[in-house]
């Protein structure tokens, strides 16, 4: 079975940093993403990576502050979150997929930020910025 397990969440001060990890088992994916959901809000795409062509995608709200990258040897994808803001608080979910919506022209058109593009999801890890 495919499993995605996130870790690294917790509390941080505004302006600080947190690094989230997502380790996949049962399959080796080339495309991953991170989504987040704040209380009372819909889940939104934060970042995605296509290790097939090296593309990365970011929500405007996190560009320049967050970095998504993958360690292929560990089958783990990371989200380095710097210069944290109060509005970064939320449950962060790792997702992986193999559909066309996760890569290429569809992803460049914004599909990476849509939940339907991703087939597998982790359980989430909470990040609280104060």
C-alpha atoms as a PDB file:
ATOM      1  CA  UNK A   1       0.000   0.000   0.000  1.00  0.00           C
ATOM      2  CA  UNK A   2       1.078   3.560  -0.689  1.00  0.00           C
ATOM      3  CA  UNK A   3       1.607   5.680   2.392  1.00  0.00           C
ATOM      4  CA  UNK A   4       2.676   9.267   2.876  1.00  0.00           C
ATOM      5  CA  UNK A   5       3.801  10.206   6.363  1.00  0.00           C
ATOM      6  CA  UNK A   6       4.394  13.826   7.302  1.00  0.00           C
ATOM      7  CA  UNK A   7       6.474  15.098  10.177  1.00  0.00           C
ATOM      8  CA  UNK A   8       8.117  18.268  11.377  1.00  0.00           C
ATOM      9  CA  UNK A   9       5.121  20.345  12.304  1.00  0.00           C
ATOM     10  CA  UNK A  10       4.856  22.249  15.529  1.00  0.00           C
ATOM     11  CA  UNK A  11       4.873  25.747  16.903  1.00  0.00           C
ATOM     12  CA  UNK A  12       7.064  28.557  15.659  1.00  0.00           C
ATOM     13  CA  UNK A  13       7.352  32.271  16.147  1.00  0.00           C
ATOM     14  CA  UNK A  14       6.549  34.690  13.391  1.00  0.00           C
ATOM     15  CA  UNK A  15       9.686  35.239  11.385  1.00  0.00           C
ATOM     16  CA  UNK A  16      10.983  31.811  12.274  1.00  0.00           C
ATOM     17  CA  UNK A  17      11.423  28.634  10.267  1.00  0.00           C
ATOM     18  CA  UNK A  18      10.005  25.128  10.145  1.00  0.00           C
ATOM     19  CA  UNK A  19      10.857  22.227   7.899  1.00  0.00           C
ATOM     20  CA  UNK A  20       8.220  19.654   7.068  1.00  0.00           C
ATOM     21  CA  UNK A  21       9.053  16.179   5.805  1.00  0.00           C
ATOM     22  CA  UNK A  22       6.960  13.705   3.862  1.00  0.00           C
ATOM     23  CA  UNK A  23       8.201  10.176   3.366  1.00  0.00           C
ATOM     24  CA  UNK A  24       6.562   7.937   0.814  1.00  0.00           C
ATOM     25  CA  UNK A  25       6.421   4.172   0.981  1.00  0.00           C
ATOM     26  CA  UNK A  26       4.983   1.623  -1.385  1.00  0.00           C
ATOM     27  CA  UNK A  27       5.763   3.629  -4.510  1.00  0.00           C
ATOM     28  CA  UNK A  28       8.332   6.059  -5.861  1.00  0.00           C
ATOM     29  CA  UNK A  29       6.634   9.209  -7.078  1.00  0.00           C
ATOM     30  CA  UNK A  30       8.087  11.964  -9.221  1.00  0.00           C
ATOM     31  CA  UNK A  31       5.501  14.580  -8.291  1.00  0.00           C
ATOM     32  CA  UNK A  32       4.618  15.812  -4.834  1.00  0.00           C
ATOM     33  CA  UNK A  33       2.839  18.739  -3.337  1.00  0.00           C
ATOM     34  CA  UNK A  34       2.050  20.402  -0.065  1.00  0.00           C
ATOM     35  CA  UNK A  35      -1.377  21.753   0.772  1.00  0.00           C
ATOM     36  CA  UNK A  36      -2.571  23.507   3.880  1.00  0.00           C
ATOM     37  CA  UNK A  37      -5.867  24.158   5.538  1.00  0.00           C
ATOM     38  CA  UNK A  38      -6.451  26.917   8.026  1.00  0.00           C
ATOM     39  CA  UNK A  39      -9.404  26.762  10.431  1.00  0.00           C
ATOM     40  CA  UNK A  40     -12.602  27.647   8.652  1.00  0.00           C
ATOM     41  CA  UNK A  41     -10.929  27.809   5.260  1.00  0.00           C
ATOM     42  CA  UNK A  42     -10.629  25.527   2.281  1.00  0.00           C
ATOM     43  CA  UNK A  43      -7.516  23.513   1.668  1.00  0.00           C
ATOM     44  CA  UNK A  44      -5.131  25.332  -0.620  1.00  0.00           C
ATOM     45  CA  UNK A  45      -2.097  24.347  -2.619  1.00  0.00           C
ATOM     46  CA  UNK A  46       1.161  25.699  -1.215  1.00  0.00           C
ATOM     47  CA  UNK A  47       3.907  24.144  -3.333  1.00  0.00           C
ATOM     48  CA  UNK A  48       4.571  21.306  -5.733  1.00  0.00           C
ATOM     49  CA  UNK A  49       7.544  19.651  -7.345  1.00  0.00           C
ATOM     50  CA  UNK A  50       8.022  17.563 -10.454  1.00  0.00           C
ATOM     51  CA  UNK A  51      11.344  15.841 -10.101  1.00  0.00           C
ATOM     52  CA  UNK A  52      10.986  14.532 -13.647  1.00  0.00           C
ATOM     53  CA  UNK A  53      11.797  17.924 -15.135  1.00  0.00           C
ATOM     54  CA  UNK A  54      12.852  19.819 -12.030  1.00  0.00           C
ATOM     55  CA  UNK A  55       9.848  22.137 -12.011  1.00  0.00           C
ATOM     56  CA  UNK A  56       8.607  23.691  -8.812  1.00  0.00           C
ATOM     57  CA  UNK A  57       5.429  25.626  -8.206  1.00  0.00           C
ATOM     58  CA  UNK A  58       4.452  27.932  -5.371  1.00  0.00           C
ATOM     59  CA  UNK A  59       1.420  29.809  -4.231  1.00  0.00           C
ATOM     60  CA  UNK A  60       1.934  33.557  -4.460  1.00  0.00           C
ATOM     61  CA  UNK A  61       1.539  33.830  -0.696  1.00  0.00           C
ATOM     62  CA  UNK A  62       4.643  31.727  -0.038  1.00  0.00           C
ATOM     63  CA  UNK A  63       6.940  32.577  -2.951  1.00  0.00           C
ATOM     64  CA  UNK A  64      10.361  33.586  -1.742  1.00  0.00           C
ATOM     65  CA  UNK A  65       9.723  32.150   1.716  1.00  0.00           C
ATOM     66  CA  UNK A  66       9.014  28.440   1.158  1.00  0.00           C
ATOM     67  CA  UNK A  67      11.092  25.901  -0.729  1.00  0.00           C
ATOM     68  CA  UNK A  68      10.016  22.438  -1.795  1.00  0.00           C
ATOM     69  CA  UNK A  69      12.663  19.861  -2.549  1.00  0.00           C
ATOM     70  CA  UNK A  70      13.167  16.143  -2.586  1.00  0.00           C
ATOM     71  CA  UNK A  71      15.791  13.722  -1.373  1.00  0.00           C
ATOM     72  CA  UNK A  72      15.379  10.829  -3.805  1.00  0.00           C
ATOM     73  CA  UNK A  73      17.611   8.512  -1.792  1.00  0.00           C
ATOM     74  CA  UNK A  74      15.240   8.823   1.148  1.00  0.00           C
ATOM     75  CA  UNK A  75      12.085   9.026  -0.987  1.00  0.00           C
ATOM     76  CA  UNK A  76      11.280  12.093   1.061  1.00  0.00           C
ATOM     77  CA  UNK A  77      10.035  15.510   0.049  1.00  0.00           C
ATOM     78  CA  UNK A  78      10.541  18.551   2.234  1.00  0.00           C
ATOM     79  CA  UNK A  79       8.936  21.923   2.658  1.00  0.00           C
ATOM     80  CA  UNK A  80      11.331  24.471   4.101  1.00  0.00           C
ATOM     81  CA  UNK A  81       9.280  27.316   5.510  1.00  0.00           C
ATOM     82  CA  UNK A  82      11.110  30.533   6.346  1.00  0.00           C
ATOM     83  CA  UNK A  83       9.970  33.987   7.429  1.00  0.00           C
ATOM     84  CA  UNK A  84       6.834  32.488   8.839  1.00  0.00           C
ATOM     85  CA  UNK A  85       3.729  34.607   9.168  1.00  0.00           C
ATOM     86  CA  UNK A  86       0.686  34.196  11.370  1.00  0.00           C
ATOM     87  CA  UNK A  87      -1.346  33.313   8.297  1.00  0.00           C
ATOM     88  CA  UNK A  88       0.869  30.295   7.649  1.00  0.00           C
ATOM     89  CA  UNK A  89      -0.852  28.567  10.545  1.00  0.00           C
ATOM     90  CA  UNK A  90      -2.755  25.474   9.514  1.00  0.00           C
ATOM     91  CA  UNK A  91      -2.730  21.759   8.916  1.00  0.00           C
ATOM     92  CA  UNK A  92      -0.218  20.881   6.243  1.00  0.00           C
ATOM     93  CA  UNK A  93      -0.785  17.893   4.005  1.00  0.00           C
ATOM     94  CA  UNK A  94       1.614  16.131   1.712  1.00  0.00           C
ATOM     95  CA  UNK A  95       0.224  14.726  -1.509  1.00  0.00           C
ATOM     96  CA  UNK A  96       1.637  12.666  -4.349  1.00  0.00           C
ATOM     97  CA  UNK A  97       0.317  11.714  -7.710  1.00  0.00           C
ATOM     98  CA  UNK A  98       0.889  10.300 -11.129  1.00  0.00           C
ATOM     99  CA  UNK A  99      -1.776  12.028 -13.201  1.00  0.00           C
ATOM    100  CA  UNK A 100      -1.144  14.505 -15.970  1.00  0.00           C
ATOM    101  CA  UNK A 101      -2.510  17.248 -13.754  1.00  0.00           C
ATOM    102  CA  UNK A 102       0.542  16.985 -11.516  1.00  0.00           C
ATOM    103  CA  UNK A 103       3.056  17.907 -14.192  1.00  0.00           C
ATOM    104  CA  UNK A 104       3.805  19.619 -17.481  1.00  0.00           C
ATOM    105  CA  UNK A 105       1.411  21.983 -19.145  1.00  0.00           C
ATOM    106  CA  UNK A 106      -1.443  21.240 -16.797  1.00  0.00           C
ATOM    107  CA  UNK A 107       0.666  21.984 -13.747  1.00  0.00           C
ATOM    108  CA  UNK A 108       2.021  25.167 -15.336  1.00  0.00           C
ATOM    109  CA  UNK A 109      -1.584  26.160 -15.878  1.00  0.00           C
ATOM    110  CA  UNK A 110      -2.249  25.864 -12.165  1.00  0.00           C
ATOM    111  CA  UNK A 111      -3.672  22.375 -11.781  1.00  0.00           C
ATOM    112  CA  UNK A 112      -0.927  21.538  -9.275  1.00  0.00           C
ATOM    113  CA  UNK A 113      -2.837  23.610  -6.739  1.00  0.00           C
ATOM    114  CA  UNK A 114      -6.068  21.615  -7.178  1.00  0.00           C
ATOM    115  CA  UNK A 115      -6.868  18.703  -4.931  1.00  0.00           C
ATOM    116  CA  UNK A 116      -8.142  16.608  -7.833  1.00  0.00           C
ATOM    117  CA  UNK A 117      -4.634  16.475  -9.288  1.00  0.00           C
ATOM    118  CA  UNK A 118      -3.337  14.378  -6.403  1.00  0.00           C
ATOM    119  CA  UNK A 119      -4.212  10.769  -5.689  1.00  0.00           C
ATOM    120  CA  UNK A 120      -2.466  10.073  -2.413  1.00  0.00           C
ATOM    121  CA  UNK A 121      -2.534  12.107   0.774  1.00  0.00           C
ATOM    122  CA  UNK A 122      -0.841  12.061   4.112  1.00  0.00           C
ATOM    123  CA  UNK A 123      -2.594  12.516   7.414  1.00  0.00           C
ATOM    124  CA  UNK A 124      -1.379  16.060   7.936  1.00  0.00           C
ATOM    125  CA  UNK A 125       0.875  17.854  10.368  1.00  0.00           C
ATOM    126  CA  UNK A 126      -0.059  20.996  12.262  1.00  0.00           C
ATOM    127  CA  UNK A 127       1.952  24.199  12.021  1.00  0.00           C
ATOM    128  CA  UNK A 128       1.105  26.999  14.432  1.00  0.00           C
ATOM    129  CA  UNK A 129       2.746  30.395  14.073  1.00  0.00           C
ATOM    130  CA  UNK A 130       2.426  32.886  16.902  1.00  0.00           C
END
